[in-house]
Amino acid sequence: MTLPYERYNSIKRTETFLRDLTDSKKTARIPKHIRLQAWACLRHYPTSYYLDLAATKAPNVFETDSPIDELSLLLHDYEDYKK
């Protein structure tokens, strides 16, 4: 059974792995098409803010050490509502 903090950490480690794949200094022997695919995966990858937002809204799915405070959460929801 995967725990919420394990799921959150897995997403963060995946981001690090993909970023390393795009860096030729860290992964010198990776073919260009793999680097481009890793970059494409990162293009819309969630930032730490959105992962923390997801963890705040769904603590049973993700767990973070940096939850979003109530005021910021209200402002975010308001901005989404205006769209």
C-alpha atoms as a PDB file:
ATOM      1  CA  MET A   1       0.000   0.000   0.000  1.00  0.00           C
ATOM      2  CA  THR A   2       1.390   3.379  -0.989  1.00  0.00           C
ATOM      3  CA  LEU A   3       1.202   6.091   1.640  1.00  0.00           C
ATOM      4  CA  PRO A   4       0.468   9.741   0.768  1.00  0.00           C
ATOM      5  CA  TYR A   5       3.989  10.932   1.600  1.00  0.00           C
ATOM      6  CA  GLU A   6       5.493   8.123  -0.525  1.00  0.00           C
ATOM      7  CA  ARG A   7       3.327   9.179  -3.494  1.00  0.00           C
ATOM      8  CA  TYR A   8       4.401  12.836  -3.077  1.00  0.00           C
ATOM      9  CA  ASN A   9       8.087  11.894  -2.802  1.00  0.00           C
ATOM     10  CA  SER A  10       7.831   9.651  -5.852  1.00  0.00           C
ATOM     11  CA  ILE A  11       6.578  12.550  -7.953  1.00  0.00           C
ATOM     12  CA  LYS A  12       9.405  14.789  -6.708  1.00  0.00           C
ATOM     13  CA  ARG A  13      12.028  12.086  -7.422  1.00  0.00           C
ATOM     14  CA  THR A  14      10.581  11.571 -10.898  1.00  0.00           C
ATOM     15  CA  GLU A  15      10.961  15.283 -11.585  1.00  0.00           C
ATOM     16  CA  THR A  16      14.613  15.151 -10.488  1.00  0.00           C
ATOM     17  CA  PHE A  17      15.209  12.088 -12.674  1.00  0.00           C
ATOM     18  CA  LEU A  18      13.662  13.742 -15.734  1.00  0.00           C
ATOM     19  CA  ARG A  19      15.634  16.951 -15.147  1.00  0.00           C
ATOM     20  CA  ASP A  20      18.837  14.921 -14.891  1.00  0.00           C
ATOM     21  CA  LEU A  21      18.010  13.229 -18.192  1.00  0.00           C
ATOM     22  CA  THR A  22      17.762  16.625 -19.886  1.00  0.00           C
ATOM     23  CA  ASP A  23      21.171  17.715 -18.537  1.00  0.00           C
ATOM     24  CA  SER A  24      24.018  16.439 -20.706  1.00  0.00           C
ATOM     25  CA  LYS A  25      26.531  17.202 -17.933  1.00  0.00           C
ATOM     26  CA  LYS A  26      24.808  14.779 -15.556  1.00  0.00           C
ATOM     27  CA  THR A  27      23.882  12.109 -18.114  1.00  0.00           C
ATOM     28  CA  ALA A  28      26.420  12.349 -20.903  1.00  0.00           C
ATOM     29  CA  ARG A  29      25.608   9.165 -22.807  1.00  0.00           C
ATOM     30  CA  ILE A  30      21.841   9.595 -23.136  1.00  0.00           C
ATOM     31  CA  PRO A  31      20.631   9.850 -26.770  1.00  0.00           C
ATOM     32  CA  LYS A  32      19.142  13.142 -27.897  1.00  0.00           C
ATOM     33  CA  HIS A  33      15.673  11.677 -28.547  1.00  0.00           C
ATOM     34  CA  ILE A  34      15.518  10.508 -24.907  1.00  0.00           C
ATOM     35  CA  ARG A  35      16.518  13.990 -23.684  1.00  0.00           C
ATOM     36  CA  LEU A  36      13.815  15.553 -25.842  1.00  0.00           C
ATOM     37  CA  GLN A  37      11.218  13.105 -24.522  1.00  0.00           C
ATOM     38  CA  ALA A  38      12.212  13.883 -20.919  1.00  0.00           C
ATOM     39  CA  TRP A  39      11.949  17.595 -21.667  1.00  0.00           C
ATOM     40  CA  ALA A  40       8.491  17.069 -23.192  1.00  0.00           C
ATOM     41  CA  CYS A  41       7.364  15.234 -20.052  1.00  0.00           C
ATOM     42  CA  LEU A  42       8.581  18.121 -17.886  1.00  0.00           C
ATOM     43  CA  ARG A  43       6.879  20.775 -19.977  1.00  0.00           C
ATOM     44  CA  HIS A  44       3.612  20.530 -18.042  1.00  0.00           C
ATOM     45  CA  TYR A  45       4.948  18.745 -14.971  1.00  0.00           C
ATOM     46  CA  PRO A  46       3.461  20.137 -11.735  1.00  0.00           C
ATOM     47  CA  THR A  47       5.619  22.573  -9.806  1.00  0.00           C
ATOM     48  CA  SER A  48       6.152  22.195  -6.066  1.00  0.00           C
ATOM     49  CA  TYR A  49       3.429  24.780  -5.480  1.00  0.00           C
ATOM     50  CA  TYR A  50       0.834  22.703  -7.330  1.00  0.00           C
ATOM     51  CA  LEU A  51       1.944  19.516  -5.597  1.00  0.00           C
ATOM     52  CA  ASP A  52       1.564  21.271  -2.241  1.00  0.00           C
ATOM     53  CA  LEU A  53      -1.816  22.584  -3.366  1.00  0.00           C
ATOM     54  CA  ALA A  54      -2.896  19.050  -4.285  1.00  0.00           C
ATOM     55  CA  ALA A  55      -1.641  17.779  -0.931  1.00  0.00           C
ATOM     56  CA  THR A  56      -3.572  20.498   0.884  1.00  0.00           C
ATOM     57  CA  LYS A  57      -6.780  19.737  -0.994  1.00  0.00           C
ATOM     58  CA  ALA A  58      -6.392  15.952  -0.932  1.00  0.00           C
ATOM     59  CA  PRO A  59      -4.303  14.958   2.110  1.00  0.00           C
ATOM     60  CA  ASN A  60      -5.370  11.328   1.744  1.00  0.00           C
ATOM     61  CA  VAL A  61      -3.685  11.272  -1.704  1.00  0.00           C
ATOM     62  CA  PHE A  62      -0.548  13.392  -1.120  1.00  0.00           C
ATOM     63  CA  GLU A  63       1.248  14.476   2.026  1.00  0.00           C
ATOM     64  CA  THR A  64       3.635  17.413   2.183  1.00  0.00           C
ATOM     65  CA  ASP A  65       5.698  19.246   4.763  1.00  0.00           C
ATOM     66  CA  SER A  66       4.625  22.525   3.123  1.00  0.00           C
ATOM     67  CA  PRO A  67       0.824  22.695   3.018  1.00  0.00           C
ATOM     68  CA  ILE A  68      -0.762  25.805   1.533  1.00  0.00           C
ATOM     69  CA  ASP A  69      -2.155  28.168   4.180  1.00  0.00           C
ATOM     70  CA  GLU A  70      -5.913  28.864   4.247  1.00  0.00           C
ATOM     71  CA  LEU A  71      -5.691  32.429   2.893  1.00  0.00           C
ATOM     72  CA  SER A  72      -3.546  31.423  -0.086  1.00  0.00           C
ATOM     73  CA  LEU A  73      -5.889  28.530  -0.753  1.00  0.00           C
ATOM     74  CA  LEU A  74      -8.905  30.840  -0.733  1.00  0.00           C
ATOM     75  CA  LEU A  75      -7.172  33.282  -3.083  1.00  0.00           C
ATOM     76  CA  HIS A  76      -6.208  30.480  -5.448  1.00  0.00           C
ATOM     77  CA  ASP A  77      -9.764  29.120  -5.497  1.00  0.00           C
ATOM     78  CA  TYR A  78     -11.138  32.640  -6.071  1.00  0.00           C
ATOM     79  CA  GLU A  79      -8.792  33.214  -9.015  1.00  0.00           C
ATOM     80  CA  ASP A  80      -9.852  29.869 -10.514  1.00  0.00           C
ATOM     81  CA  TYR A  81     -13.493  30.784 -10.016  1.00  0.00           C
ATOM     82  CA  LYS A  82     -13.033  34.099 -11.883  1.00  0.00           C
ATOM     83  CA  LYS A  83     -11.726  32.310 -14.995  1.00  0.00           C
END
